[in-house]
């Protein structure tokens, strides 16, 4: 009788813990192989330029993600979004390079320069 209970208990635990451990493994592998390289590329794109802002379209296309996936990665990188007054396109910059308290006039000048790229 105790062997049967042990088998049932083991099956239940294995049926619950196994999928949780497997999902955690997949999540870590996904982050390592998919997410981290894209975050590094996004960060380098937003840092290594004289223009602070880049269009979401360009960022998404470069890293090979949808716009929603790109937005999520940008938020994790502490970037912020804005809308270009001239082209009405969504643009993004690292908050450290384009703080939110920046004057609107200066921001507009930089956006215009970014759009000439």
N, C-alpha and C. Protein backbone atom coordinates (compact mmCIF):
# COMPACT_ATOMS: atom_id res chain seq x y z
N UNK A 1 0.81 -1.19 0.00
CA UNK A 1 0.00 0.00 0.00
C UNK A 1 0.86 1.26 0.00
N UNK A 2 1.92 1.28 0.81
CA UNK A 2 2.76 2.47 0.88
C UNK A 2 3.52 2.70 -0.44
N UNK A 3 3.82 1.61 -1.14
CA UNK A 3 4.49 1.75 -2.44
C UNK A 3 3.56 2.41 -3.45
N UNK A 4 2.29 2.08 -3.39
CA UNK A 4 1.30 2.68 -4.29
C UNK A 4 1.14 4.16 -3.97
N UNK A 5 1.06 4.49 -2.70
CA UNK A 5 0.96 5.90 -2.30
C UNK A 5 2.20 6.69 -2.70
N UNK A 6 3.36 6.08 -2.53
CA UNK A 6 4.61 6.73 -2.93
C UNK A 6 4.63 6.98 -4.43
N UNK A 7 4.13 6.01 -5.21
CA UNK A 7 4.09 6.16 -6.66
C UNK A 7 3.12 7.27 -7.06
N UNK A 8 1.97 7.30 -6.40
CA UNK A 8 0.98 8.35 -6.70
C UNK A 8 1.54 9.72 -6.32
N UNK A 9 2.10 9.79 -5.13
CA UNK A 9 2.68 11.05 -4.66
C UNK A 9 3.82 11.51 -5.58
N UNK A 10 4.68 10.59 -5.96
CA UNK A 10 5.78 10.90 -6.88
C UNK A 10 5.28 11.38 -8.22
N UNK A 11 4.22 10.74 -8.72
CA UNK A 11 3.63 11.15 -10.00
C UNK A 11 3.05 12.54 -9.94
N UNK A 12 2.37 12.84 -8.84
CA UNK A 12 1.80 14.18 -8.67
C UNK A 12 2.88 15.26 -8.59
N UNK A 13 3.87 14.98 -7.78
CA UNK A 13 4.97 15.95 -7.64
C UNK A 13 5.69 16.13 -8.98
N UNK A 14 5.99 15.03 -9.65
CA UNK A 14 6.64 15.11 -10.95
C UNK A 14 5.80 15.82 -11.99
N UNK A 15 4.51 15.62 -11.92
CA UNK A 15 3.60 16.27 -12.86
C UNK A 15 3.46 17.76 -12.63
N UNK A 16 3.71 18.20 -11.42
CA UNK A 16 3.60 19.63 -11.09
C UNK A 16 4.96 20.32 -11.19
N UNK A 17 5.96 19.73 -10.58
CA UNK A 17 7.29 20.35 -10.54
C UNK A 17 7.99 20.29 -11.89
N UNK A 18 7.84 19.19 -12.59
CA UNK A 18 8.51 19.02 -13.89
C UNK A 18 8.21 20.14 -14.87
N UNK A 19 6.95 20.43 -15.14
CA UNK A 19 6.64 21.52 -16.07
C UNK A 19 7.13 22.89 -15.60
N UNK A 20 7.10 23.12 -14.30
CA UNK A 20 7.59 24.41 -13.77
C UNK A 20 9.08 24.55 -14.02
N UNK A 21 9.83 23.50 -13.73
CA UNK A 21 11.29 23.53 -13.95
C UNK A 21 11.59 23.66 -15.44
N UNK A 22 10.85 22.94 -16.27
CA UNK A 22 11.06 23.02 -17.72
C UNK A 22 10.78 24.42 -18.25
N UNK A 23 9.71 25.05 -17.78
CA UNK A 23 9.38 26.40 -18.22
C UNK A 23 10.45 27.41 -17.78
N UNK A 24 10.96 27.25 -16.58
CA UNK A 24 12.04 28.13 -16.10
C UNK A 24 13.29 27.97 -16.96
N UNK A 25 13.62 26.74 -17.31
CA UNK A 25 14.77 26.48 -18.18
C UNK A 25 14.57 27.14 -19.55
N UNK A 26 13.39 26.98 -20.12
CA UNK A 26 13.11 27.58 -21.43
C UNK A 26 13.18 29.10 -21.35
N UNK A 27 12.68 29.66 -20.28
CA UNK A 27 12.70 31.11 -20.10
C UNK A 27 14.13 31.65 -20.04
N UNK A 28 14.96 30.97 -19.27
CA UNK A 28 16.37 31.40 -19.17
C UNK A 28 17.10 31.25 -20.50
N UNK A 29 16.83 30.15 -21.18
CA UNK A 29 17.47 29.93 -22.48
C UNK A 29 17.01 30.98 -23.49
N UNK A 30 15.72 31.30 -23.46
CA UNK A 30 15.16 32.33 -24.35
C UNK A 30 15.82 33.68 -24.09
N UNK A 31 15.97 34.02 -22.83
CA UNK A 31 16.59 35.30 -22.48
C UNK A 31 18.04 35.34 -22.96
N UNK A 32 18.74 34.24 -22.80
CA UNK A 32 20.16 34.20 -23.17
C UNK A 32 20.35 34.24 -24.69
N UNK A 33 19.54 33.50 -25.42
CA UNK A 33 19.76 33.39 -26.86
C UNK A 33 18.97 34.39 -27.69
N UNK A 34 17.89 34.92 -27.15
CA UNK A 34 17.03 35.80 -27.95
C UNK A 34 17.04 37.23 -27.42
N UNK A 35 16.76 37.40 -26.15
CA UNK A 35 16.53 38.71 -25.58
C UNK A 35 17.81 39.52 -25.38
N UNK A 36 18.79 38.95 -24.73
CA UNK A 36 20.00 39.70 -24.38
C UNK A 36 20.76 40.25 -25.60
N UNK A 37 20.97 39.46 -26.66
CA UNK A 37 21.66 40.01 -27.83
C UNK A 37 20.90 41.19 -28.45
N UNK A 38 19.59 41.12 -28.46
CA UNK A 38 18.78 42.20 -29.02
C UNK A 38 18.84 43.45 -28.15
N UNK A 39 18.83 43.27 -26.84
CA UNK A 39 18.95 44.41 -25.94
C UNK A 39 20.30 45.11 -26.11
N UNK A 40 21.35 44.33 -26.27
CA UNK A 40 22.68 44.91 -26.47
C UNK A 40 22.73 45.71 -27.77
N UNK A 41 22.14 45.16 -28.82
CA UNK A 41 22.13 45.86 -30.10
C UNK A 41 21.31 47.15 -30.01
N UNK A 42 20.16 47.09 -29.37
CA UNK A 42 19.35 48.30 -29.19
C UNK A 42 20.12 49.37 -28.42
N UNK A 43 20.75 48.96 -27.34
CA UNK A 43 21.50 49.92 -26.53
C UNK A 43 22.63 50.55 -27.33
N UNK A 44 23.33 49.75 -28.11
CA UNK A 44 24.43 50.33 -28.91
C UNK A 44 23.89 51.27 -29.97
N UNK A 45 22.72 50.96 -30.53
CA UNK A 45 22.12 51.86 -31.52
C UNK A 45 21.73 53.20 -30.90
N UNK A 46 21.24 53.16 -29.67
CA UNK A 46 20.80 54.39 -29.02
C UNK A 46 21.95 55.17 -28.39
N UNK A 47 23.08 54.52 -28.14
CA UNK A 47 24.25 55.20 -27.55
C UNK A 47 25.20 55.75 -28.61
N UNK A 48 25.48 54.96 -29.60
CA UNK A 48 26.53 55.28 -30.57
C UNK A 48 26.00 56.10 -31.74
N UNK A 49 25.47 57.24 -31.42
CA UNK A 49 24.97 58.11 -32.48
C UNK A 49 24.97 59.54 -31.96
N UNK A 50 25.13 60.47 -32.87
CA UNK A 50 25.06 61.87 -32.42
C UNK A 50 23.62 62.29 -32.19
N UNK A 51 22.67 61.53 -32.75
CA UNK A 51 21.25 61.81 -32.54
C UNK A 51 20.75 60.95 -31.38
N UNK A 52 20.00 61.55 -30.51
CA UNK A 52 19.52 60.82 -29.34
C UNK A 52 18.36 59.90 -29.67
N UNK A 53 17.55 60.26 -30.64
CA UNK A 53 16.33 59.51 -30.94
C UNK A 53 16.47 58.69 -32.21
N UNK A 54 15.84 57.53 -32.19
CA UNK A 54 15.75 56.65 -33.37
C UNK A 54 14.29 56.25 -33.53
N UNK A 55 13.87 56.05 -34.75
CA UNK A 55 12.49 55.65 -34.98
C UNK A 55 12.29 54.20 -34.54
N UNK A 56 11.11 53.92 -34.03
CA UNK A 56 10.78 52.55 -33.61
C UNK A 56 10.86 51.61 -34.81
N UNK A 57 10.45 52.09 -35.95
CA UNK A 57 10.49 51.27 -37.17
C UNK A 57 11.92 50.80 -37.46
N UNK A 58 12.88 51.72 -37.38
CA UNK A 58 14.28 51.38 -37.65
C UNK A 58 14.82 50.42 -36.59
N UNK A 59 14.51 50.69 -35.32
CA UNK A 59 14.99 49.83 -34.23
C UNK A 59 14.43 48.42 -34.38
N UNK A 60 13.14 48.32 -34.65
CA UNK A 60 12.49 47.00 -34.80
C UNK A 60 13.07 46.22 -35.96
N UNK A 61 13.23 46.90 -37.08
CA UNK A 61 13.75 46.25 -38.28
C UNK A 61 15.17 45.75 -38.05
N UNK A 62 15.97 46.53 -37.36
CA UNK A 62 17.37 46.16 -37.15
C UNK A 62 17.52 44.94 -36.26
N UNK A 63 16.70 44.84 -35.20
CA UNK A 63 16.85 43.70 -34.28
C UNK A 63 15.97 42.52 -34.67
N UNK A 64 15.12 42.69 -35.69
CA UNK A 64 14.30 41.58 -36.16
C UNK A 64 13.16 41.22 -35.23
N UNK A 65 12.54 42.22 -34.64
CA UNK A 65 11.42 41.99 -33.72
C UNK A 65 10.21 42.80 -34.16
N UNK A 66 9.07 42.43 -33.59
CA UNK A 66 7.88 43.25 -33.82
C UNK A 66 8.03 44.55 -33.04
N UNK A 67 7.19 45.51 -33.35
CA UNK A 67 7.26 46.78 -32.64
C UNK A 67 6.92 46.60 -31.16
N UNK A 68 5.99 45.74 -30.84
CA UNK A 68 5.64 45.50 -29.43
C UNK A 68 6.79 44.85 -28.67
N UNK A 69 7.45 43.88 -29.29
CA UNK A 69 8.61 43.25 -28.64
C UNK A 69 9.73 44.28 -28.45
N UNK A 70 9.93 45.12 -29.44
CA UNK A 70 10.96 46.15 -29.35
C UNK A 70 10.64 47.13 -28.24
N UNK A 71 9.39 47.54 -28.12
CA UNK A 71 9.00 48.45 -27.03
C UNK A 71 9.32 47.84 -25.67
N UNK A 72 9.02 46.57 -25.49
CA UNK A 72 9.29 45.90 -24.21
C UNK A 72 10.78 45.91 -23.90
N UNK A 73 11.60 45.62 -24.90
CA UNK A 73 13.05 45.63 -24.69
C UNK A 73 13.54 47.05 -24.39
N UNK A 74 12.98 48.04 -25.06
CA UNK A 74 13.38 49.43 -24.82
C UNK A 74 13.03 49.87 -23.40
N UNK A 75 11.88 49.48 -22.91
CA UNK A 75 11.49 49.80 -21.53
C UNK A 75 12.49 49.19 -20.56
N UNK A 76 12.89 47.95 -20.81
CA UNK A 76 13.88 47.29 -19.95
C UNK A 76 15.21 48.03 -19.97
N UNK A 77 15.53 48.66 -21.08
CA UNK A 77 16.78 49.42 -21.20
C UNK A 77 16.67 50.84 -20.63
N UNK A 78 15.51 51.17 -20.08
CA UNK A 78 15.24 52.50 -19.54
C UNK A 78 15.29 53.56 -20.63
N UNK A 79 14.57 53.27 -21.69
CA UNK A 79 14.41 54.22 -22.79
C UNK A 79 13.01 54.81 -22.69
N UNK A 80 12.81 55.89 -23.40
CA UNK A 80 11.49 56.52 -23.41
C UNK A 80 11.07 56.81 -24.84
N UNK A 81 9.78 56.81 -25.04
CA UNK A 81 9.25 57.06 -26.36
C UNK A 81 8.71 58.47 -26.49
N UNK A 82 8.58 58.89 -27.72
CA UNK A 82 7.99 60.19 -28.06
C UNK A 82 7.43 60.06 -29.47
N UNK A 83 6.74 61.09 -29.90
CA UNK A 83 6.21 61.12 -31.25
C UNK A 83 6.79 62.34 -31.95
N UNK A 84 7.34 62.11 -33.11
CA UNK A 84 7.90 63.20 -33.89
C UNK A 84 6.78 64.12 -34.36
N UNK A 85 6.93 65.39 -34.12
CA UNK A 85 5.91 66.34 -34.56
C UNK A 85 5.88 66.47 -36.08
N UNK A 86 7.03 66.30 -36.68
CA UNK A 86 7.13 66.47 -38.13
C UNK A 86 6.58 65.26 -38.89
N UNK A 87 7.04 64.07 -38.55
CA UNK A 87 6.66 62.87 -39.31
C UNK A 87 5.56 62.05 -38.63
N UNK A 88 5.26 62.38 -37.38
CA UNK A 88 4.26 61.64 -36.58
C UNK A 88 4.68 60.20 -36.32
N UNK A 89 5.98 59.89 -36.46
CA UNK A 89 6.49 58.55 -36.18
C UNK A 89 6.88 58.44 -34.71
N UNK A 90 6.81 57.22 -34.22
CA UNK A 90 7.23 56.94 -32.84
C UNK A 90 8.75 56.86 -32.80
N UNK A 91 9.34 57.59 -31.86
CA UNK A 91 10.79 57.62 -31.72
C UNK A 91 11.17 57.29 -30.27
N UNK A 92 12.38 56.78 -30.08
CA UNK A 92 12.85 56.36 -28.76
C UNK A 92 14.27 56.83 -28.51
N UNK A 93 14.56 57.07 -27.22
CA UNK A 93 15.90 57.45 -26.78
C UNK A 93 16.11 56.93 -25.37
N UNK A 94 17.37 56.73 -24.99
CA UNK A 94 17.68 56.38 -23.62
C UNK A 94 17.37 57.57 -22.72
N UNK A 95 16.74 57.33 -21.59
CA UNK A 95 16.38 58.42 -20.69
C UNK A 95 17.61 59.19 -20.23
N UNK A 96 18.71 58.50 -20.04
CA UNK A 96 19.93 59.19 -19.60
C UNK A 96 20.47 60.16 -20.65
N UNK A 97 20.18 59.91 -21.91
CA UNK A 97 20.61 60.80 -22.98
C UNK A 97 19.58 61.87 -23.31
N UNK A 98 18.32 61.60 -23.01
CA UNK A 98 17.23 62.54 -23.29
C UNK A 98 16.28 62.57 -22.09
N UNK A 99 16.70 63.22 -21.02
CA UNK A 99 15.87 63.24 -19.81
C UNK A 99 14.50 63.84 -20.07
N UNK A 100 13.54 63.42 -19.30
CA UNK A 100 12.17 63.86 -19.49
C UNK A 100 11.99 65.35 -19.23
N UNK A 101 12.81 65.95 -18.36
CA UNK A 101 12.64 67.37 -18.05
C UNK A 101 13.30 68.30 -19.08
N UNK A 102 13.84 67.75 -20.14
CA UNK A 102 14.48 68.53 -21.19
C UNK A 102 13.47 69.49 -21.82
N UNK A 103 13.93 70.67 -22.16
CA UNK A 103 12.99 71.65 -22.74
C UNK A 103 12.45 71.16 -24.09
N UNK A 104 11.22 71.48 -24.36
CA UNK A 104 10.57 71.01 -25.59
C UNK A 104 11.26 71.56 -26.83
N UNK A 105 11.73 72.80 -26.79
CA UNK A 105 12.40 73.40 -27.95
C UNK A 105 13.66 72.61 -28.33
N UNK A 106 14.47 72.30 -27.35
CA UNK A 106 15.70 71.55 -27.60
C UNK A 106 15.35 70.15 -28.12
N UNK A 107 14.35 69.52 -27.54
CA UNK A 107 13.92 68.21 -27.97
C UNK A 107 13.46 68.23 -29.43
N UNK A 108 12.69 69.24 -29.78
CA UNK A 108 12.21 69.36 -31.16
C UNK A 108 13.37 69.52 -32.14
N UNK A 109 14.38 70.29 -31.78
CA UNK A 109 15.55 70.47 -32.66
C UNK A 109 16.28 69.14 -32.88
N UNK A 110 16.42 68.35 -31.82
CA UNK A 110 17.11 67.07 -31.95
C UNK A 110 16.29 66.09 -32.78
N UNK A 111 14.99 66.14 -32.64
CA UNK A 111 14.13 65.25 -33.42
C UNK A 111 14.25 65.58 -34.90
N UNK A 112 14.28 66.84 -35.22
CA UNK A 112 14.42 67.25 -36.61
C UNK A 112 15.74 66.75 -37.17
N UNK A 113 16.82 66.86 -36.38
CA UNK A 113 18.11 66.38 -36.82
C UNK A 113 18.09 64.86 -37.03
N UNK A 114 17.42 64.15 -36.11
CA UNK A 114 17.33 62.69 -36.20
C UNK A 114 16.61 62.27 -37.47
N UNK A 115 15.60 63.00 -37.85
CA UNK A 115 14.80 62.63 -39.01
C UNK A 115 15.54 62.87 -40.33
N UNK A 116 16.56 63.65 -40.30
CA UNK A 116 17.34 63.89 -41.54
C UNK A 116 18.23 62.71 -41.88
N UNK A 117 18.44 61.82 -40.91
CA UNK A 117 19.32 60.65 -41.11
C UNK A 117 18.93 59.83 -42.28
